[in-house]
Every structure is written in structure tokens, then in C-alpha cells.
PDB file of all heavy atoms in Angstrom:
ATOM      1  N   THR A   1       5.871   2.946   8.633  1.00  0.00           N
ATOM      2  CA  THR A   1       4.451   3.092   8.544  1.00  0.00           C
ATOM      3  C   THR A   1       3.963   3.952   9.693  1.00  0.00           C
ATOM      4  O   THR A   1       3.150   4.950   9.487  1.00  0.00           O
ATOM      5  CB  THR A   1       3.682   1.805   8.347  1.00  0.00           C
ATOM      6  OG1 THR A   1       4.311   1.169   7.160  1.00  0.00           O
ATOM      7  CG2 THR A   1       2.404   1.992   8.175  1.00  0.00           C
ATOM      8  N   THR A   2       4.332   3.508  10.860  1.00  0.00           N
ATOM      9  CA  THR A   2       3.830   4.178  12.084  1.00  0.00           C
ATOM     10  C   THR A   2       4.269   5.640  12.059  1.00  0.00           C
ATOM     11  O   THR A   2       3.520   6.671  12.502  1.00  0.00           O
ATOM     12  CB  THR A   2       4.466   3.576  13.323  1.00  0.00           C
ATOM     13  OG1 THR A   2       3.890   2.154  13.356  1.00  0.00           O
ATOM     14  CG2 THR A   2       3.886   4.155  14.633  1.00  0.00           C
ATOM     15  N   TYR A   3       5.613   5.925  11.688  1.00  0.00           N
ATOM     16  CA  TYR A   3       6.271   7.246  11.643  1.00  0.00           C
ATOM     17  C   TYR A   3       5.314   8.229  10.790  1.00  0.00           C
ATOM     18  O   TYR A   3       4.935   9.223  11.149  1.00  0.00           O
ATOM     19  CB  TYR A   3       7.668   7.082  11.149  1.00  0.00           C
ATOM     20  CG  TYR A   3       8.460   8.345  11.143  1.00  0.00           C
ATOM     21  CD1 TYR A   3       9.863   8.141  11.338  1.00  0.00           C
ATOM     22  CD2 TYR A   3       8.058   9.592  10.792  1.00  0.00           C
ATOM     23  CE1 TYR A   3      10.733   9.160  11.281  1.00  0.00           C
ATOM     24  CE2 TYR A   3       8.996  10.653  10.874  1.00  0.00           C
ATOM     25  CZ  TYR A   3      10.150  10.473  11.026  1.00  0.00           C
ATOM     26  OH  TYR A   3      11.069  11.527  11.099  1.00  0.00           O
ATOM     27  N   ILE A   4       5.030   7.712   9.558  1.00  0.00           N
ATOM     28  CA  ILE A   4       4.311   8.471   8.530  1.00  0.00           C
ATOM     29  C   ILE A   4       2.803   8.640   9.040  1.00  0.00           C
ATOM     30  O   ILE A   4       2.195   9.787   8.881  1.00  0.00           O
ATOM     31  CB  ILE A   4       4.314   7.860   7.203  1.00  0.00           C
ATOM     32  CG1 ILE A   4       5.741   7.700   6.711  1.00  0.00           C
ATOM     33  CG2 ILE A   4       3.505   8.652   6.262  1.00  0.00           C
ATOM     34  CD1 ILE A   4       5.932   6.952   5.464  1.00  0.00           C
ATOM     35  N   ARG A   5       2.278   7.602   9.631  1.00  0.00           N
ATOM     36  CA  ARG A   5       0.829   7.702   9.976  1.00  0.00           C
ATOM     37  C   ARG A   5       0.742   8.916  11.022  1.00  0.00           C
ATOM     38  O   ARG A   5      -0.351   9.629  10.924  1.00  0.00           O
ATOM     39  CB  ARG A   5       0.384   6.453  10.607  1.00  0.00           C
ATOM     40  CG  ARG A   5      -1.138   6.509  11.148  1.00  0.00           C
ATOM     41  CD  ARG A   5      -1.568   5.237  11.619  1.00  0.00           C
ATOM     42  NE  ARG A   5      -0.612   4.607  12.562  1.00  0.00           N
ATOM     43  CZ  ARG A   5      -0.529   4.903  13.888  1.00  0.00           C
ATOM     44  NH1 ARG A   5      -1.261   5.805  14.411  1.00  0.00           N
ATOM     45  NH2 ARG A   5       0.400   4.228  14.587  1.00  0.00           N
ATOM     46  N   LYS A   6       1.622   9.056  11.937  1.00  0.00           N
ATOM     47  CA  LYS A   6       1.578  10.135  12.883  1.00  0.00           C
ATOM     48  C   LYS A   6       1.755  11.491  12.260  1.00  0.00           C
ATOM     49  O   LYS A   6       1.127  12.516  12.786  1.00  0.00           O
ATOM     50  CB  LYS A   6       2.613   9.806  13.960  1.00  0.00           C
ATOM     51  CG  LYS A   6       2.313   8.619  14.928  1.00  0.00           C
ATOM     52  CD  LYS A   6       3.419   8.476  15.859  1.00  0.00           C
ATOM     53  CE  LYS A   6       3.016   7.275  16.760  1.00  0.00           C
ATOM     54  NZ  LYS A   6       4.198   6.916  17.676  1.00  0.00           N
ATOM     55  N   LEU A   7       2.437  11.603  11.171  1.00  0.00           N
ATOM     56  CA  LEU A   7       2.658  12.862  10.434  1.00  0.00           C
ATOM     57  C   LEU A   7       1.382  13.241   9.682  1.00  0.00           C
ATOM     58  O   LEU A   7       1.062  14.395   9.563  1.00  0.00           O
ATOM     59  CB  LEU A   7       3.841  12.719   9.492  1.00  0.00           C
ATOM     60  CG  LEU A   7       5.278  12.571  10.119  1.00  0.00           C
ATOM     61  CD1 LEU A   7       6.366  12.486   9.056  1.00  0.00           C
ATOM     62  CD2 LEU A   7       5.592  13.607  11.020  1.00  0.00           C
ATOM     63  N   VAL A   8       0.668  12.236   9.334  1.00  0.00           N
ATOM     64  CA  VAL A   8      -0.577  12.448   8.606  1.00  0.00           C
ATOM     65  C   VAL A   8      -1.642  12.899   9.726  1.00  0.00           C
ATOM     66  O   VAL A   8      -2.331  13.903   9.478  1.00  0.00           O
ATOM     67  CB  VAL A   8      -1.168  11.279   7.922  1.00  0.00           C
ATOM     68  CG1 VAL A   8      -2.580  11.545   7.322  1.00  0.00           C
ATOM     69  CG2 VAL A   8      -0.182  10.837   6.783  1.00  0.00           C
ATOM     70  N   GLU A   9      -1.622  12.328  10.829  1.00  0.00           N
ATOM     71  CA  GLU A   9      -2.456  12.763  11.915  1.00  0.00           C
ATOM     72  C   GLU A   9      -2.210  14.165  12.491  1.00  0.00           C
ATOM     73  O   GLU A   9      -3.135  14.912  12.884  1.00  0.00           O
ATOM     74  CB  GLU A   9      -2.451  11.649  13.068  1.00  0.00           C
ATOM     75  CG  GLU A   9      -3.030  10.350  12.616  1.00  0.00           C
ATOM     76  CD  GLU A   9      -2.681   9.299  13.736  1.00  0.00           C
ATOM     77  OE1 GLU A   9      -2.072   9.610  14.687  1.00  0.00           O
ATOM     78  OE2 GLU A   9      -3.189   8.216  13.577  1.00  0.00           O
ATOM     79  N   TYR A  10      -1.004  14.499  12.472  1.00  0.00           N
ATOM     80  CA  TYR A  10      -0.537  15.811  13.082  1.00  0.00           C
ATOM     81  C   TYR A  10       0.274  16.585  11.924  1.00  0.00           C
ATOM     82  O   TYR A  10       1.478  16.506  11.959  1.00  0.00           O
ATOM     83  CB  TYR A  10       0.327  15.650  14.348  1.00  0.00           C
ATOM     84  CG  TYR A  10      -0.471  14.970  15.420  1.00  0.00           C
ATOM     85  CD1 TYR A  10      -0.113  13.646  15.701  1.00  0.00           C
ATOM     86  CD2 TYR A  10      -1.368  15.649  16.231  1.00  0.00           C
ATOM     87  CE1 TYR A  10      -0.889  12.965  16.758  1.00  0.00           C
ATOM     88  CE2 TYR A  10      -1.986  15.113  17.243  1.00  0.00           C
ATOM     89  CZ  TYR A  10      -1.810  13.770  17.568  1.00  0.00           C
ATOM     90  OH  TYR A  10      -2.385  13.180  18.539  1.00  0.00           O
ATOM     91  N   PRO A  11      -0.405  17.204  10.997  1.00  0.00           N
ATOM     92  CA  PRO A  11       0.295  17.661   9.875  1.00  0.00           C
ATOM     93  C   PRO A  11       1.186  18.867  10.076  1.00  0.00           C
ATOM     94  O   PRO A  11       2.046  19.135   9.353  1.00  0.00           O
ATOM     95  CB  PRO A  11      -0.823  18.053   8.769  1.00  0.00           C
ATOM     96  CG  PRO A  11      -2.127  18.214   9.754  1.00  0.00           C
ATOM     97  CD  PRO A  11      -1.856  17.170  10.815  1.00  0.00           C
ATOM     98  N   GLU A  12       0.992  19.466  11.338  1.00  0.00           N
ATOM     99  CA  GLU A  12       1.907  20.673  11.729  1.00  0.00           C
ATOM    100  C   GLU A  12       3.312  20.171  12.054  1.00  0.00           C
ATOM    101  O   GLU A  12       4.197  20.931  12.172  1.00  0.00           O
ATOM    102  CB  GLU A  12       1.301  21.371  12.887  1.00  0.00           C
ATOM    103  CG  GLU A  12      -0.079  21.893  12.544  1.00  0.00           C
ATOM    104  CD  GLU A  12      -1.179  20.971  12.991  1.00  0.00           C
ATOM    105  OE1 GLU A  12      -0.913  19.869  13.377  1.00  0.00           O
ATOM    106  OE2 GLU A  12      -2.299  21.527  12.955  1.00  0.00           O
ATOM    107  N   ALA A  13       3.517  18.899  12.386  1.00  0.00           N
ATOM    108  CA  ALA A  13       4.764  18.320  13.019  1.00  0.00           C
ATOM    109  C   ALA A  13       5.715  17.772  12.039  1.00  0.00           C
ATOM    110  O   ALA A  13       5.364  17.238  10.911  1.00  0.00           O
ATOM    111  CB  ALA A  13       4.460  17.162  14.085  1.00  0.00           C
ATOM    112  N   LEU A  14       7.015  17.778  12.433  1.00  0.00           N
ATOM    113  CA  LEU A  14       8.016  17.177  11.627  1.00  0.00           C
ATOM    114  C   LEU A  14       8.254  15.683  12.124  1.00  0.00           C
ATOM    115  O   LEU A  14       8.819  14.894  11.425  1.00  0.00           O
ATOM    116  CB  LEU A  14       9.253  17.959  11.641  1.00  0.00           C
ATOM    117  CG  LEU A  14       9.252  19.324  11.043  1.00  0.00           C
ATOM    118  CD1 LEU A  14      10.572  20.088  11.436  1.00  0.00           C
ATOM    119  CD2 LEU A  14       8.999  19.325   9.654  1.00  0.00           C
ATOM    120  N   ARG A  15       7.987  15.507  13.313  1.00  0.00           N
ATOM    121  CA  ARG A  15       8.122  14.231  13.985  1.00  0.00           C
ATOM    122  C   ARG A  15       7.269  14.163  15.168  1.00  0.00           C
ATOM    123  O   ARG A  15       7.214  15.056  15.912  1.00  0.00           O
ATOM    124  CB  ARG A  15       9.691  14.165  14.471  1.00  0.00           C
ATOM    125  CG  ARG A  15      10.049  12.778  15.049  1.00  0.00           C
ATOM    126  CD  ARG A  15      10.248  11.703  14.047  1.00  0.00           C
ATOM    127  NE  ARG A  15      10.398  10.377  14.598  1.00  0.00           N
ATOM    128  CZ  ARG A  15      11.529   9.793  14.899  1.00  0.00           C
ATOM    129  NH1 ARG A  15      12.675  10.460  14.707  1.00  0.00           N
ATOM    130  NH2 ARG A  15      11.512   8.592  15.328  1.00  0.00           N
ATOM    131  N   ILE A  16       6.650  12.958  15.489  1.00  0.00           N
ATOM    132  CA  ILE A  16       5.902  12.641  16.597  1.00  0.00           C
ATOM    133  C   ILE A  16       6.453  11.432  17.283  1.00  0.00           C
ATOM    134  O   ILE A  16       6.458  10.381  16.717  1.00  0.00           O
ATOM    135  CB  ILE A  16       4.490  12.572  16.247  1.00  0.00           C
ATOM    136  CG1 ILE A  16       3.832  13.846  15.770  1.00  0.00           C
ATOM    137  CG2 ILE A  16       3.685  12.077  17.423  1.00  0.00           C
ATOM    138  CD1 ILE A  16       3.625  14.947  16.716  1.00  0.00           C
ATOM    139  N   ILE A  17       6.757  11.613  18.560  1.00  0.00           N
ATOM    140  CA  ILE A  17       7.343  10.357  19.273  1.00  0.00           C
ATOM    141  C   ILE A  17       6.597  10.293  20.640  1.00  0.00           C
ATOM    142  O   ILE A  17       6.448  11.282  21.302  1.00  0.00           O
ATOM    143  CB  ILE A  17       8.855  10.688  19.619  1.00  0.00           C
ATOM    144  CG1 ILE A  17       9.602  10.837  18.311  1.00  0.00           C
ATOM    145  CG2 ILE A  17       9.422   9.619  20.480  1.00  0.00           C
ATOM    146  CD1 ILE A  17      11.115  11.353  18.509  1.00  0.00           C
ATOM    147  N   GLU A  18       6.160   9.103  20.872  1.00  0.00           N
ATOM    148  CA  GLU A  18       5.488   8.920  22.228  1.00  0.00           C
ATOM    149  C   GLU A  18       6.333   7.993  23.177  1.00  0.00           C
ATOM    150  O   GLU A  18       7.151   7.274  22.751  1.00  0.00           O
ATOM    151  CB  GLU A  18       4.198   8.052  21.827  1.00  0.00           C
ATOM    152  CG  GLU A  18       3.176   8.766  21.045  1.00  0.00           C
ATOM    153  CD  GLU A  18       1.880   7.998  20.820  1.00  0.00           C
ATOM    154  OE1 GLU A  18       2.021   6.780  21.068  1.00  0.00           O
ATOM    155  OE2 GLU A  18       0.899   8.611  20.319  1.00  0.00           O
ATOM    156  N   PHE A  19       6.102   8.477  24.369  1.00  0.00           N
ATOM    157  CA  PHE A  19       6.855   7.825  25.481  1.00  0.00           C
ATOM    158  C   PHE A  19       5.860   7.302  26.547  1.00  0.00           C
ATOM    159  O   PHE A  19       4.654   7.718  26.599  1.00  0.00           O
ATOM    160  CB  PHE A  19       7.753   8.699  26.218  1.00  0.00           C
ATOM    161  CG  PHE A  19       9.054   9.175  25.409  1.00  0.00           C
ATOM    162  CD1 PHE A  19       8.997  10.395  24.761  1.00  0.00           C
ATOM    163  CD2 PHE A  19      10.086   8.411  25.272  1.00  0.00           C
ATOM    164  CE1 PHE A  19      10.036  10.785  23.917  1.00  0.00           C
ATOM    165  CE2 PHE A  19      11.248   8.702  24.432  1.00  0.00           C
ATOM    166  CZ  PHE A  19      11.086   9.931  23.887  1.00  0.00           C
ATOM    167  N   ALA A  20       6.270   6.369  27.509  1.00  0.00           N
ATOM    168  CA  ALA A  20       5.533   6.056  28.683  1.00  0.00           C
ATOM    169  C   ALA A  20       4.158   5.413  28.204  1.00  0.00           C
ATOM    170  O   ALA A  20       3.172   5.889  28.604  1.00  0.00           O
ATOM    171  CB  ALA A  20       5.355   7.041  29.597  1.00  0.00           C
ATOM    172  N   ASP A  21       4.231   4.494  27.284  1.00  0.00           N
ATOM    173  CA  ASP A  21       2.964   3.902  26.686  1.00  0.00           C
ATOM    174  C   ASP A  21       1.902   4.908  26.205  1.00  0.00           C
ATOM    175  O   ASP A  21       0.770   4.833  26.395  1.00  0.00           O
ATOM    176  CB  ASP A  21       2.243   3.113  27.965  1.00  0.00           C
ATOM    177  CG  ASP A  21       3.146   1.933  28.379  1.00  0.00           C
ATOM    178  OD1 ASP A  21       3.785   1.351  27.520  1.00  0.00           O
ATOM    179  OD2 ASP A  21       3.194   1.654  29.591  1.00  0.00           O
ATOM    180  N   GLY A  22       2.476   5.904  25.526  1.00  0.00           N
ATOM    181  CA  GLY A  22       1.619   6.921  24.854  1.00  0.00           C
ATOM    182  C   GLY A  22       1.138   8.060  25.653  1.00  0.00           C
ATOM    183  O   GLY A  22       0.450   8.887  25.187  1.00  0.00           O
ATOM    184  N   ARG A  23       1.503   8.223  26.964  1.00  0.00           N
ATOM    185  CA  ARG A  23       1.029   9.162  27.794  1.00  0.00           C
ATOM    186  C   ARG A  23       1.767  10.523  27.644  1.00  0.00           C
ATOM    187  O   ARG A  23       1.167  11.668  27.924  1.00  0.00           O
ATOM    188  CB  ARG A  23       1.204   8.843  29.288  1.00  0.00           C
ATOM    189  CG  ARG A  23      -0.003   7.839  29.674  1.00  0.00           C
ATOM    190  CD  ARG A  23       0.325   7.340  31.160  1.00  0.00           C
ATOM    191  NE  ARG A  23       1.427   6.393  31.124  1.00  0.00           N
ATOM    192  CZ  ARG A  23       1.777   5.746  32.205  1.00  0.00           C
ATOM    193  NH1 ARG A  23       1.285   5.983  33.329  1.00  0.00           N
ATOM    194  NH2 ARG A  23       2.784   4.834  32.137  1.00  0.00           N
ATOM    195  N   VAL A  24       3.011  10.533  27.017  1.00  0.00           N
ATOM    196  CA  VAL A  24       3.827  11.739  26.883  1.00  0.00           C
ATOM    197  C   VAL A  24       4.168  11.624  25.472  1.00  0.00           C
ATOM    198  O   VAL A  24       4.663  10.765  24.888  1.00  0.00           O
ATOM    199  CB  VAL A  24       5.036  11.780  27.801  1.00  0.00           C
ATOM    200  CG1 VAL A  24       5.820  13.028  27.600  1.00  0.00           C
ATOM    201  CG2 VAL A  24       4.701  11.678  29.211  1.00  0.00           C
ATOM    202  N   THR A  25       4.121  12.978  24.767  1.00  0.00           N
ATOM    203  CA  THR A  25       4.553  12.998  23.424  1.00  0.00           C
ATOM    204  C   THR A  25       5.570  14.146  23.108  1.00  0.00           C
ATOM    205  O   THR A  25       5.510  15.238  23.819  1.00  0.00           O
ATOM    206  CB  THR A  25       3.338  13.342  22.457  1.00  0.00           C
ATOM    207  OG1 THR A  25       2.348  12.268  22.486  1.00  0.00           O
ATOM    208  CG2 THR A  25       3.714  13.647  21.091  1.00  0.00           C
ATOM    209  N   LEU A  26       6.574  13.820  22.361  1.00  0.00           N
ATOM    210  CA  LEU A  26       7.591  14.747  21.996  1.00  0.00           C
ATOM    211  C   LEU A  26       7.366  15.099  20.579  1.00  0.00           C
ATOM    212  O   LEU A  26       7.214  14.227  19.661  1.00  0.00           O
ATOM    213  CB  LEU A  26       9.045  14.157  22.132  1.00  0.00           C
ATOM    214  CG  LEU A  26      10.206  15.071  21.741  1.00  0.00           C
ATOM    215  CD1 LEU A  26      10.347  16.307  22.543  1.00  0.00           C
ATOM    216  CD2 LEU A  26      11.460  14.261  21.623  1.00  0.00           C
ATOM    217  N   ALA A  27       7.174  16.337  20.195  1.00  0.00           N
ATOM    218  CA  ALA A  27       6.838  16.735  18.848  1.00  0.00           C
ATOM    219  C   ALA A  27       8.036  17.656  18.283  1.00  0.00           C
ATOM    220  O   ALA A  27       8.465  18.608  18.970  1.00  0.00           O
ATOM    221  CB  ALA A  27       5.557  17.475  18.767  1.00  0.00           C
ATOM    222  N   GLY A  28       8.485  17.402  17.099  1.00  0.00           N
ATOM    223  CA  GLY A  28       9.369  18.219  16.375  1.00  0.00           C
ATOM    224  C   GLY A  28       8.583  19.155  15.490  1.00  0.00           C
ATOM    225  O   GLY A  28       7.778  18.654  14.671  1.00  0.00           O
ATOM    226  N   VAL A  29       8.778  20.392  15.385  1.00  0.00           N
ATOM    227  CA  VAL A  29       7.987  21.320  14.714  1.00  0.00           C
ATOM    228  C   VAL A  29       8.782  22.485  14.236  1.00  0.00           C
ATOM    229  O   VAL A  29       9.547  22.993  14.939  1.00  0.00           O
ATOM    230  CB  VAL A  29       6.749  21.805  15.467  1.00  0.00           C
ATOM    231  CG1 VAL A  29       7.139  22.648  16.634  1.00  0.00           C
ATOM    232  CG2 VAL A  29       5.814  22.633  14.647  1.00  0.00           C
ATOM    233  N   ARG A  30       8.512  22.938  13.026  1.00  0.00           N
ATOM    234  CA  ARG A  30       9.181  24.158  12.478  1.00  0.00           C
ATOM    235  C   ARG A  30       8.444  25.392  12.862  1.00  0.00           C
ATOM    236  O   ARG A  30       7.191  25.481  12.765  1.00  0.00           O
ATOM    237  CB  ARG A  30       9.205  24.106  10.910  1.00  0.00           C
ATOM    238  CG  ARG A  30      10.018  25.213  10.218  1.00  0.00           C
ATOM    239  CD  ARG A  30      11.419  24.904  10.217  1.00  0.00           C
ATOM    240  NE  ARG A  30      11.782  23.641   9.555  1.00  0.00           N
ATOM    241  CZ  ARG A  30      12.870  23.039   9.543  1.00  0.00           C
ATOM    242  NH1 ARG A  30      13.840  23.405  10.401  1.00  0.00           N
ATOM    243  NH2 ARG A  30      13.044  22.013   8.796  1.00  0.00           N
ATOM    244  N   ALA A  31       9.099  26.303  13.487  1.00  0.00           N
ATOM    245  CA  ALA A  31       8.454  27.627  13.990  1.00  0.00           C
ATOM    246  C   ALA A  31       8.289  28.549  12.654  1.00  0.00           C
ATOM    247  O   ALA A  31       9.312  28.870  12.044  1.00  0.00           O
ATOM    248  CB  ALA A  31       9.264  28.242  15.020  1.00  0.00           C
ATOM    249  N   TYR A  32       7.086  28.822  12.344  1.00  0.00           N
ATOM    250  CA  TYR A  32       6.840  29.685  11.174  1.00  0.00           C
ATOM    251  C   TYR A  32       6.505  31.080  11.700  1.00  0.00           C
ATOM    252  O   TYR A  32       5.978  31.361  12.651  1.00  0.00           O
ATOM    253  CB  TYR A  32       5.723  29.141  10.414  1.00  0.00           C
ATOM    254  CG  TYR A  32       6.182  27.883   9.581  1.00  0.00           C
ATOM    255  CD1 TYR A  32       5.867  26.701   9.965  1.00  0.00           C
ATOM    256  CD2 TYR A  32       6.877  28.179   8.333  1.00  0.00           C
ATOM    257  CE1 TYR A  32       6.365  25.562   9.221  1.00  0.00           C
ATOM    258  CE2 TYR A  32       7.214  27.009   7.531  1.00  0.00           C
ATOM    259  CZ  TYR A  32       7.036  25.767   8.048  1.00  0.00           C
ATOM    260  OH  TYR A  32       7.454  24.696   7.318  1.00  0.00           O
ATOM    261  N   ALA A  33       6.734  32.040  10.785  1.00  0.00           N
ATOM    262  CA  ALA A  33       6.327  33.476  10.962  1.00  0.00           C
ATOM    263  C   ALA A  33       4.847  33.438  11.200  1.00  0.00           C
ATOM    264  O   ALA A  33       4.151  32.934  10.460  1.00  0.00           O
ATOM    265  CB  ALA A  33       6.793  34.393   9.975  1.00  0.00           C
ATOM    266  N   GLY A  34       4.422  34.192  12.334  1.00  0.00           N
ATOM    267  CA  GLY A  34       2.966  34.297  12.540  1.00  0.00           C
ATOM    268  C   GLY A  34       2.531  33.384  13.656  1.00  0.00           C
ATOM    269  O   GLY A  34       1.494  33.507  14.291  1.00  0.00           O
TER     270      GLY A  34
END
């Protein structure tokens, strides 16, 4: 549920991962032409 909620909040991302109590975020994203 948490995984999907973050994807809804950030629709550009494939994955959103937080570290250090939410201060740092690792995002997986597909690079698109343009």
C-alpha cells in the first residue's frame, strides 16, 4: 500500500524509496525522449 501510494503521489517515478527518516529519497525513473 505504501509503495503504491508513493507512485500515485509521484506519477513520473517507477519507485520511490525514502531513507534517514524521510530526509533523503531515491527515485527510479524511466528516461524518456524529450
